[in-house]
Structures are given as C-alpha cells and as structure tokens.
Amino acid sequence: MKEISFDPRVNRLNLPESEVSLSPMDNWQTYEVFHQKKRGEQHKHSGILHAPNGEMALVLAKEQFGRRGQTSNIWVVKSTDIFATSYDDTDMFSTTPEKVHREPGEYKVREKIAEYKKKKLNG
C-alpha cells in the first residue's frame, strides 16, 4: 500500500512502497532522531517521529529537525533497537553522588578550552 503524505514534497519523492503494512489500528514505528550541527561534532538527540520505514524516517527527520538550523548529518534509530536501563534499577547508580569530581561542570570547562584552542588556531 502506497503511503500518502500531507506534505506534497514527500509525495514527489516517489519513495518505494512501505515494506510494513498496517492494519487499521496499528501505528508507524517510532524513531529517535539525532542531529549533528557540524562535521566532527557529536550527534545530539533532537526528538522522535513516527514513520513506516527508515528511509521515510530520514526524510521526515530532515524536514522536521534539519531545516531550522545548521545541519551536517542526521541519524534515525528505531526506538525498539535502543537498550536502556530500567527505572527500577536506579540503585546501580547509587555510588555516582560520591564522585563529585566527575560532575558535568568540568565538561563545560573542557568545551570552553576546546573553543579557545579553535580560535587560537584559526585566528
């Protein structure tokens, strides 16, 4: 069954028919979207979207998350493919508060140092 989008730009892409057929009460798969501003920087989570397959998820992610700011690359990952800890297992992180020296504040300083080094090299 060919998917028809409300967005005419998506319809003009002539994407292949979806491999996943949906029964009336089914939903599309959920994808997590990761956005990279500049090449070499890390990808950051931008949000989620629903799509019938990975190719369509990339098109929708580009339209939703890549059009407003600078974009170098976008990743989409099925939410079902992500392994995460359970909220019931928070006791496994119980030793973390003892390690104050590892707080994210140090990372902020590291970013500032990296920016300073970039300016020094470029300027």
Foldseek 3Di string as FASTA:
>chain_A
DADDDPDVVVVVVCDDRFPDDDDPPDFAFKKWKWFDQDPPDDTHTDGIDGDRDQVVRVVVCCVPPVPPHHTDDMDIDGPVPDDDDDPVPCVVCVCVVVPPVPDCVVVVVVVVVVVVVVVVVVD
